């Protein structure tokens, strides 16, 4: 067993990905930022995945990321190329394999967490059993959730009962249960009334050290639109591609679509219509994403559901307006004038495509007329920063470790008593 590092507070993170790797998404950004902005008096132990195969499983290595040092214990080899698309079989699922790896490495993990007297920070409810068994307090977050009738690209659709069971368990046994938007918070408070006092909202944030307002490109032609993320079915890539194709017609071809992500858009037939005007940037780190956005004019989001989409916040932080299909949480940042437009998702198919294209024309014309100020656009996300959002999570862990907060196991015993 390694000696616990000298730190006032110790927090254990566990999630099935490699912080050093190329996988992108909201969960991955959360963990990378958690290490980046971690207070100096706090030490992080990250239990995760080795995506490159260069580390010994179950061993702890002091690792540096973005100039910050943390302890890394990989428990599974799983290359990023396999993690880029959603698994189709449970045996291929990185979440399932990581679950098995947690069980296999449980004695080693238990010794480390107890020696460091960690509180645990969890992103997935499926792993809540571990701090419960160890009688360690933990903070759980629910980043997003699907609706059963909506198309989902992951195994969650077929194994939803596993997620719901994990959710109920985590709500009961966690010290705090955080949700990424108020709609999820309200649902959980209504469902689990006995535990409503520990359920709260923690908005997503954007790293404003990297994502800062930038002037628009010198020319409005071609009009450049960006999407960042994985092309899951629930993101409605078909609608996105049809919208870009319609806009191409309206702008006489003077449009470019820029895709930042590692999914393959060619698996969608609708992509063929815009393939020749698409620039595929592949994986980009945060600075790379910011650079792509600075060369663009606007962002797009067509998702059926989201938590609080970080790609929207990052686009706005650079000073670029966004046109999106309506999601309630986006009302906090998109105002149909300064920072972009929300389009009614109940519109019939072709009318929805036409309206999305029309709103992009409005954005283009406003930019061309000098009516869109990148600084004013970025101001819409002023409260969505690590200093206002992520800092709350550190405070929760510090309060837990300073005080006499009941552990996960103690909470369940209390609730049953």
Protein backbone atom coordinates (compact mmCIF):
# COMPACT_ATOMS: atom_id res chain seq x y z
CA UNK A 1 0.00 0.00 0.00
CA UNK A 2 1.38 3.40 -0.98
CA UNK A 3 1.76 6.12 1.59
CA UNK A 4 -1.07 8.62 1.45
CA UNK A 5 0.18 12.03 0.25
CA UNK A 6 0.28 14.96 2.64
CA UNK A 7 -2.90 16.91 1.96
CA UNK A 8 -5.62 18.37 4.10
CA UNK A 9 -8.33 16.85 1.93
CA UNK A 10 -8.36 13.72 -0.26
CA UNK A 11 -10.96 13.08 -2.95
CA UNK A 12 -11.29 9.90 -4.98
CA UNK A 13 -12.67 10.13 -8.51
CA UNK A 14 -13.58 7.02 -10.47
CA UNK A 15 -14.76 6.92 -14.05
CA UNK A 16 -14.18 4.65 -17.08
CA UNK A 17 -11.86 6.80 -19.17
CA UNK A 18 -8.25 7.95 -19.39
CA UNK A 19 -7.74 11.57 -18.36
CA UNK A 20 -4.67 11.65 -20.65
CA UNK A 21 -6.56 10.28 -23.65
CA UNK A 22 -8.59 11.60 -26.56
CA UNK A 23 -12.14 10.85 -25.45
CA UNK A 24 -14.26 13.99 -25.28
CA UNK A 25 -17.61 14.76 -23.70
CA UNK A 26 -19.20 16.42 -20.70
CA UNK A 27 -18.23 13.70 -18.22
CA UNK A 28 -14.65 13.67 -19.43
CA UNK A 29 -14.39 17.46 -19.30
CA UNK A 30 -15.72 17.40 -15.75
CA UNK A 31 -12.94 15.12 -14.56
CA UNK A 32 -10.20 16.94 -16.45
CA UNK A 33 -11.40 20.24 -15.01
CA UNK A 34 -11.77 18.70 -11.55
CA UNK A 35 -8.02 18.03 -11.58
CA UNK A 36 -7.17 21.34 -13.29
CA UNK A 37 -8.97 23.56 -10.76
CA UNK A 38 -8.49 21.42 -7.66
CA UNK A 39 -7.50 23.52 -4.62
CA UNK A 40 -3.86 23.31 -3.54
CA UNK A 41 -4.77 21.70 -0.21
CA UNK A 42 -6.64 18.85 -1.90
CA UNK A 43 -5.21 15.66 -3.41
CA UNK A 44 -7.05 13.68 -6.09
CA UNK A 45 -6.84 9.93 -6.57
CA UNK A 46 -8.31 9.07 -9.97
CA UNK A 47 -9.34 5.45 -10.55
CA UNK A 48 -9.80 5.09 -14.28
CA UNK A 49 -8.75 3.51 -17.57
CA UNK A 50 -5.41 3.19 -19.33
CA UNK A 51 -6.18 3.96 -22.99
CA UNK A 52 -2.63 3.60 -24.27
CA UNK A 53 -1.50 0.40 -22.55
CA UNK A 54 1.61 1.97 -21.00
CA UNK A 55 0.66 1.60 -17.32
CA UNK A 56 0.43 -1.35 -14.95
CA UNK A 57 -3.10 -2.02 -13.83
CA UNK A 58 -3.81 -1.63 -10.13
CA UNK A 59 -0.68 0.45 -9.53
CA UNK A 60 -0.72 4.12 -8.54
CA UNK A 61 1.39 6.57 -10.54
CA UNK A 62 1.86 10.24 -9.73
CA UNK A 63 0.73 11.94 -12.94
CA UNK A 64 0.78 15.52 -14.19
CA UNK A 65 -2.01 16.98 -16.28
CA UNK A 66 -2.25 20.66 -17.29
CA UNK A 67 0.47 21.39 -14.77
CA UNK A 68 -1.45 19.78 -11.88
CA UNK A 69 -0.33 16.62 -10.09
CA UNK A 70 -2.69 13.82 -9.11
CA UNK A 71 -2.52 10.09 -8.37
CA UNK A 72 -3.70 7.76 -11.14
CA UNK A 73 -4.73 4.14 -10.64
CA UNK A 74 -5.80 2.54 -13.93
CA UNK A 75 -7.76 -0.70 -13.50
CA UNK A 76 -8.68 -1.44 -17.13
CA UNK A 77 -6.97 -1.31 -20.52
CA UNK A 78 -9.48 0.11 -23.04
CA UNK A 79 -8.23 2.08 -26.09
CA UNK A 80 -9.94 5.35 -26.94
CA UNK A 81 -10.68 4.15 -30.47
CA UNK A 82 -13.10 1.60 -28.99
CA UNK A 83 -14.73 4.22 -26.77
CA UNK A 84 -15.54 6.61 -29.62
CA UNK A 85 -18.79 4.92 -30.56
CA UNK A 86 -21.44 3.48 -28.25
CA UNK A 87 -21.20 -0.22 -27.48
CA UNK A 88 -23.78 -2.56 -29.02
CA UNK A 89 -23.23 -5.50 -26.65
CA UNK A 90 -22.99 -5.48 -22.88
CA UNK A 91 -19.68 -7.36 -23.06
CA UNK A 92 -18.23 -4.53 -25.18
CA UNK A 93 -19.44 -1.79 -22.84
CA UNK A 94 -16.64 0.11 -21.16
CA UNK A 95 -18.97 0.81 -18.22
CA UNK A 96 -19.65 -2.89 -17.69
CA UNK A 97 -15.98 -3.80 -18.03
CA UNK A 98 -15.01 -1.03 -15.60
CA UNK A 99 -17.59 -2.34 -13.13
CA UNK A 100 -15.97 -5.77 -13.29
CA UNK A 101 -12.53 -4.19 -12.87
CA UNK A 102 -13.70 -2.36 -9.74
CA UNK A 103 -14.75 -5.69 -8.24
CA UNK A 104 -11.49 -7.36 -9.28
CA UNK A 105 -9.39 -4.57 -7.75
CA UNK A 106 -11.63 -3.97 -4.76
CA UNK A 107 -9.11 -4.96 -2.03
CA UNK A 108 -6.45 -2.62 -3.45
CA UNK A 109 -8.92 0.25 -3.93
CA UNK A 110 -10.35 -0.24 -0.43
CA UNK A 111 -6.91 -0.01 1.18
CA UNK A 112 -6.05 3.19 -0.66
CA UNK A 113 -9.34 4.99 -0.04
CA UNK A 114 -9.35 4.10 3.64
CA UNK A 115 -5.70 5.04 4.13
CA UNK A 116 -6.30 8.45 2.57
CA UNK A 117 -9.67 8.90 4.34
CA UNK A 118 -11.16 9.97 1.03
CA UNK A 119 -14.59 11.16 0.25
CA UNK A 120 -15.65 9.90 -3.18
CA UNK A 121 -16.91 11.87 -6.18
CA UNK A 122 -18.99 9.80 -8.61
CA UNK A 123 -20.25 10.52 -12.12
CA UNK A 124 -22.11 7.25 -12.67
CA UNK A 125 -24.74 5.84 -10.30
CA UNK A 126 -23.73 2.31 -11.33
CA UNK A 127 -20.63 2.63 -9.13
CA UNK A 128 -22.36 3.87 -5.98
CA UNK A 129 -22.09 0.45 -4.37
CA UNK A 130 -18.35 0.89 -3.81
CA UNK A 131 -18.32 3.82 -1.33
CA UNK A 132 -21.41 2.31 0.30
CA UNK A 133 -19.63 -0.98 0.96
CA UNK A 134 -16.58 0.91 2.25
CA UNK A 135 -18.79 3.13 4.42
CA UNK A 136 -17.24 6.22 2.84
CA UNK A 137 -19.24 9.41 2.21
CA UNK A 138 -19.70 10.29 -1.43
CA UNK A 139 -21.10 12.98 -3.70
CA UNK A 140 -23.09 11.67 -6.66
CA UNK A 141 -23.90 13.58 -9.82
CA UNK A 142 -26.38 12.75 -12.54
CA UNK A 143 -25.12 14.38 -15.74
CA UNK A 144 -28.06 13.60 -17.98
CA UNK A 145 -30.84 11.19 -18.63
CA UNK A 146 -32.77 9.96 -21.58
CA UNK A 147 -36.46 9.55 -22.06
CA UNK A 148 -37.46 5.95 -22.84
CA UNK A 149 -39.26 6.73 -26.09
CA UNK A 150 -36.35 8.73 -27.47
CA UNK A 151 -33.66 7.21 -29.66
CA UNK A 152 -30.50 6.49 -27.73
CA UNK A 153 -27.22 5.25 -29.16
CA UNK A 154 -26.00 3.46 -26.05
CA UNK A 155 -26.96 0.36 -24.10
CA UNK A 156 -28.82 2.58 -21.61
CA UNK A 157 -31.97 2.25 -23.70
CA UNK A 158 -32.00 -1.55 -23.35
CA UNK A 159 -30.69 -1.69 -19.79
CA UNK A 160 -32.51 1.32 -18.38
CA UNK A 161 -33.62 -0.66 -15.34
CA UNK A 162 -29.96 -0.93 -14.27
CA UNK A 163 -29.60 2.84 -14.35
CA UNK A 164 -32.88 3.41 -12.49
CA UNK A 165 -31.93 0.90 -9.81
CA UNK A 166 -28.56 2.59 -9.41
CA UNK A 167 -30.25 5.97 -9.26
CA UNK A 168 -32.54 4.93 -6.40
CA UNK A 169 -29.63 3.45 -4.48
CA UNK A 170 -27.42 6.52 -4.98
CA UNK A 171 -30.15 8.96 -3.94
CA UNK A 172 -30.61 7.04 -0.70
CA UNK A 173 -26.96 6.51 0.21
CA UNK A 174 -25.07 9.54 -1.12
CA UNK A 175 -24.12 12.52 1.01
CA UNK A 176 -25.21 14.90 -1.75
CA UNK A 177 -26.92 14.17 -5.06
CA UNK A 178 -26.32 16.78 -7.76
CA UNK A 179 -28.14 17.12 -11.08
CA UNK A 180 -26.95 18.92 -14.18
CA UNK A 181 -30.16 20.87 -14.73
CA UNK A 182 -33.25 21.91 -12.71
CA UNK A 183 -35.61 19.60 -14.64
CA UNK A 184 -33.77 16.51 -13.40
CA UNK A 185 -33.57 18.00 -9.91
CA UNK A 186 -37.33 18.56 -9.81
CA UNK A 187 -38.05 15.02 -11.02
CA UNK A 188 -35.82 13.45 -8.41
CA UNK A 189 -37.15 15.60 -5.58
CA UNK A 190 -40.70 14.64 -6.55
CA UNK A 191 -39.77 10.96 -6.85
CA UNK A 192 -37.64 10.69 -3.71
CA UNK A 193 -39.37 13.12 -1.37
CA UNK A 194 -37.67 11.68 1.71
CA UNK A 195 -34.27 12.71 0.34
CA UNK A 196 -35.26 15.98 -1.36
CA UNK A 197 -33.06 18.08 0.92
CA UNK A 198 -29.84 16.56 -0.44
CA UNK A 199 -30.81 16.78 -4.13
CA UNK A 200 -29.64 19.97 -5.84
CA UNK A 201 -28.62 21.42 -9.21
CA UNK A 202 -25.02 21.89 -10.28
CA UNK A 203 -24.81 23.58 -13.67
CA UNK A 204 -22.16 22.66 -16.19
CA UNK A 205 -19.36 25.20 -16.60
CA UNK A 206 -16.87 26.35 -19.19
CA UNK A 207 -13.17 27.00 -18.66
CA UNK A 208 -13.03 30.73 -19.33
CA UNK A 209 -9.23 30.67 -19.08
CA UNK A 210 -9.30 28.92 -22.46
CA UNK A 211 -12.67 29.90 -23.91
CA UNK A 212 -12.66 33.70 -24.16
CA UNK A 213 -14.46 36.12 -26.52
CA UNK A 214 -12.77 36.36 -29.91
CA UNK A 215 -13.51 38.66 -32.87
CA UNK A 216 -15.38 37.16 -35.79
CA UNK A 217 -13.46 36.08 -38.90
CA UNK A 218 -12.82 38.91 -41.35
CA UNK A 219 -15.21 37.46 -43.93
CA UNK A 220 -18.78 36.22 -43.45
CA UNK A 221 -18.43 33.92 -46.47
CA UNK A 222 -18.32 31.04 -46.14
CA UNK A 223 -20.61 31.06 -43.12
CA UNK A 224 -19.05 28.52 -40.73
CA UNK A 225 -21.16 26.45 -38.34
CA UNK A 226 -19.67 24.17 -35.67
CA UNK A 227 -20.85 21.09 -33.82
CA UNK A 228 -18.73 19.52 -31.06
CA UNK A 229 -19.33 16.05 -29.65
CA UNK A 230 -20.24 12.48 -30.41
CA UNK A 231 -22.82 11.77 -33.11
CA UNK A 232 -25.15 9.69 -30.96
CA UNK A 233 -28.65 9.11 -32.28
CA UNK A 234 -30.17 11.32 -29.60
CA UNK A 235 -28.09 14.23 -30.92
CA UNK A 236 -30.24 13.94 -34.07
CA UNK A 237 -27.36 14.18 -36.56
CA UNK A 238 -29.77 13.56 -39.45
CA UNK A 239 -31.69 16.71 -38.56
CA UNK A 240 -28.41 18.58 -38.17
CA UNK A 241 -27.15 17.51 -41.61
CA UNK A 242 -30.49 18.29 -43.28
CA UNK A 243 -30.43 21.76 -41.72
CA UNK A 244 -26.94 22.47 -43.04
CA UNK A 245 -28.00 21.23 -46.49
CA UNK A 246 -31.06 23.52 -46.45
CA UNK A 247 -28.92 26.46 -45.35
CA UNK A 248 -26.49 25.69 -48.16
CA UNK A 249 -29.34 26.15 -50.63
CA UNK A 250 -30.41 29.42 -49.02
CA UNK A 251 -26.88 30.84 -48.98
CA UNK A 252 -26.03 29.68 -52.52
CA UNK A 253 -23.40 27.30 -51.24
CA UNK A 254 -21.54 29.83 -49.07
CA UNK A 255 -21.55 27.70 -45.91
CA UNK A 256 -19.15 25.30 -44.17
CA UNK A 257 -19.92 22.73 -41.51
CA UNK A 258 -17.13 22.07 -39.00
CA UNK A 259 -17.29 18.90 -36.94
CA UNK A 260 -15.12 18.42 -33.86
CA UNK A 261 -15.34 14.85 -32.63
CA UNK A 262 -14.33 11.29 -33.31
CA UNK A 263 -17.59 9.78 -34.61
CA UNK A 264 -17.95 8.79 -38.26
CA UNK A 265 -20.63 10.95 -39.91
CA UNK A 266 -20.62 8.84 -43.09
CA UNK A 267 -22.79 6.23 -41.37
CA UNK A 268 -25.70 8.64 -41.84
CA UNK A 269 -27.03 8.85 -45.40
CA UNK A 270 -27.98 12.50 -44.90
CA UNK A 271 -24.33 13.43 -44.47
CA UNK A 272 -23.59 12.81 -48.16
CA UNK A 273 -25.39 16.05 -49.08
CA UNK A 274 -22.92 18.16 -47.08
CA UNK A 275 -19.77 16.04 -47.09
CA UNK A 276 -18.03 18.31 -49.61
CA UNK A 277 -18.55 21.38 -47.39
CA UNK A 278 -17.63 19.65 -44.13
CA UNK A 279 -14.33 20.04 -42.31
CA UNK A 280 -13.70 17.18 -39.89
CA UNK A 281 -11.32 18.23 -37.11
CA UNK A 282 -11.33 14.92 -35.22
CA UNK A 283 -10.26 14.97 -31.60
CA UNK A 284 -9.22 18.36 -30.24
CA UNK A 285 -8.17 19.26 -26.73
CA UNK A 286 -9.75 22.31 -25.10
CA UNK A 287 -7.36 24.74 -26.76
CA UNK A 288 -7.97 23.09 -30.11
CA UNK A 289 -11.73 23.36 -29.70
CA UNK A 290 -11.39 27.04 -28.77
CA UNK A 291 -9.31 27.63 -31.88
CA UNK A 292 -11.87 25.98 -34.16
CA UNK A 293 -14.67 28.02 -32.58
CA UNK A 294 -12.73 31.27 -32.99
CA UNK A 295 -12.64 30.68 -36.77
CA UNK A 296 -16.38 29.99 -36.93
CA UNK A 297 -19.50 32.15 -36.90
CA UNK A 298 -22.10 30.06 -35.04
CA UNK A 299 -22.85 26.76 -33.31
CA UNK A 300 -25.66 24.24 -33.75
CA UNK A 301 -27.43 21.80 -31.42
CA UNK A 302 -30.33 19.54 -32.47
CA UNK A 303 -30.40 17.07 -29.55
CA UNK A 304 -33.55 15.38 -28.28
CA UNK A 305 -32.25 15.79 -24.72
CA UNK A 306 -29.12 16.91 -22.87
CA UNK A 307 -27.94 17.80 -19.41
CA UNK A 308 -26.52 21.28 -19.83
CA UNK A 309 -24.55 20.92 -23.08
CA UNK A 310 -20.99 22.06 -22.59
CA UNK A 311 -20.52 22.50 -26.33
CA UNK A 312 -23.10 25.29 -26.22
CA UNK A 313 -21.40 26.99 -23.28
CA UNK A 314 -18.00 26.78 -24.95
CA UNK A 315 -19.37 28.19 -28.20
CA UNK A 316 -21.01 31.10 -26.38
CA UNK A 317 -17.86 31.71 -24.31
CA UNK A 318 -15.89 32.32 -27.53
CA UNK A 319 -18.60 34.84 -28.45
CA UNK A 320 -20.42 32.79 -31.09
CA UNK A 321 -24.22 32.60 -31.15
CA UNK A 322 -25.94 29.21 -31.22
CA UNK A 323 -29.07 28.02 -32.99
CA UNK A 324 -30.63 25.06 -31.18
CA UNK A 325 -33.76 22.99 -31.03
CA UNK A 326 -35.50 23.99 -27.81
CA UNK A 327 -34.38 22.51 -24.51
CA UNK A 328 -35.68 24.17 -21.32
CA UNK A 329 -32.24 24.56 -19.75
CA UNK A 330 -30.97 26.49 -22.76
CA UNK A 331 -33.38 29.32 -21.97
CA UNK A 332 -30.81 30.41 -19.36
CA UNK A 333 -28.20 31.18 -22.05
CA UNK A 334 -29.99 31.58 -25.41
CA UNK A 335 -32.26 34.59 -25.58
CA UNK A 336 -33.42 34.62 -29.24
CA UNK A 337 -31.60 37.87 -29.85
CA UNK A 338 -28.16 38.48 -28.34
CA UNK A 339 -26.77 34.94 -28.13
CA UNK A 340 -28.77 32.90 -30.64
CA UNK A 341 -32.12 31.22 -31.13
CA UNK A 342 -34.19 28.40 -29.71
CA UNK A 343 -36.49 26.72 -32.24
CA UNK A 344 -39.70 24.95 -31.23
CA UNK A 345 -39.07 21.21 -31.42
CA UNK A 346 -42.78 20.51 -31.99
CA UNK A 347 -42.66 21.93 -35.50
CA UNK A 348 -43.35 19.36 -38.26
CA UNK A 349 -40.20 17.85 -39.82
CA UNK A 350 -39.67 20.01 -42.89
CA UNK A 351 -40.89 23.14 -41.12
CA UNK A 352 -38.41 22.52 -38.32
CA UNK A 353 -35.55 22.22 -40.83
CA UNK A 354 -36.68 25.36 -42.66
CA UNK A 355 -36.99 27.34 -39.41
CA UNK A 356 -33.54 26.27 -38.20
CA UNK A 357 -32.04 27.33 -41.53
CA UNK A 358 -33.90 30.65 -41.38
CA UNK A 359 -32.55 31.39 -37.90
CA UNK A 360 -29.01 30.78 -39.15
CA UNK A 361 -29.67 33.27 -41.96
CA UNK A 362 -30.78 35.76 -39.30
CA UNK A 363 -27.57 35.16 -37.34
CA UNK A 364 -25.45 35.53 -40.46
CA UNK A 365 -27.12 38.80 -41.41
CA UNK A 366 -26.76 40.19 -37.89
CA UNK A 367 -23.05 39.35 -37.81
CA UNK A 368 -22.54 40.88 -41.27
CA UNK A 369 -24.28 44.07 -40.07
CA UNK A 370 -22.03 44.30 -37.00
CA UNK A 371 -24.95 43.71 -34.63
CA UNK A 372 -23.47 40.72 -32.78
CA UNK A 373 -20.91 41.55 -30.09
CA UNK A 374 -18.79 38.51 -29.02
CA UNK A 375 -18.32 40.02 -25.56
CA UNK A 376 -22.08 40.39 -25.09
CA UNK A 377 -22.63 36.81 -26.28
CA UNK A 378 -20.02 35.51 -23.84
CA UNK A 379 -21.62 37.45 -20.99
CA UNK A 380 -24.56 35.05 -21.14
CA UNK A 381 -22.44 32.33 -19.52
CA UNK A 382 -20.85 34.53 -16.84
CA UNK A 383 -22.10 32.31 -14.00
CA UNK A 384 -21.23 29.04 -15.76
CA UNK A 385 -17.57 28.95 -14.71
CA UNK A 386 -15.46 26.70 -12.46
CA UNK A 387 -15.23 29.50 -9.89
CA UNK A 388 -19.00 29.51 -9.46
CA UNK A 389 -19.97 25.89 -10.18
CA UNK A 390 -17.09 23.46 -9.68
CA UNK A 391 -16.00 25.27 -6.53
CA UNK A 392 -19.25 24.14 -4.94
CA UNK A 393 -18.23 20.49 -5.33
CA UNK A 394 -14.90 21.07 -3.60
CA UNK A 395 -16.71 22.81 -0.77
CA UNK A 396 -19.06 19.84 -0.33
CA UNK A 397 -16.14 17.43 -0.04
CA UNK A 398 -14.28 19.73 2.33
CA UNK A 399 -17.35 20.06 4.55
CA UNK A 400 -17.79 16.29 4.59
CA UNK A 401 -14.18 15.72 5.58
CA UNK A 402 -14.13 18.47 8.20
CA UNK A 403 -17.38 17.49 9.82
CA UNK A 404 -19.12 14.40 11.11
CA UNK A 405 -21.17 13.68 8.01
CA UNK A 406 -22.74 10.21 8.01
CA UNK A 407 -21.27 7.69 5.61
CA UNK A 408 -23.22 6.06 2.82
CA UNK A 409 -23.84 2.94 4.89
CA UNK A 410 -24.86 4.94 7.97
CA UNK A 411 -27.33 6.95 5.90
CA UNK A 412 -29.05 3.81 4.66
CA UNK A 413 -29.24 2.40 8.17
CA UNK A 414 -30.73 5.69 9.39
CA UNK A 415 -33.29 5.73 6.57
CA UNK A 416 -34.35 2.16 7.36
CA UNK A 417 -34.59 2.83 11.07
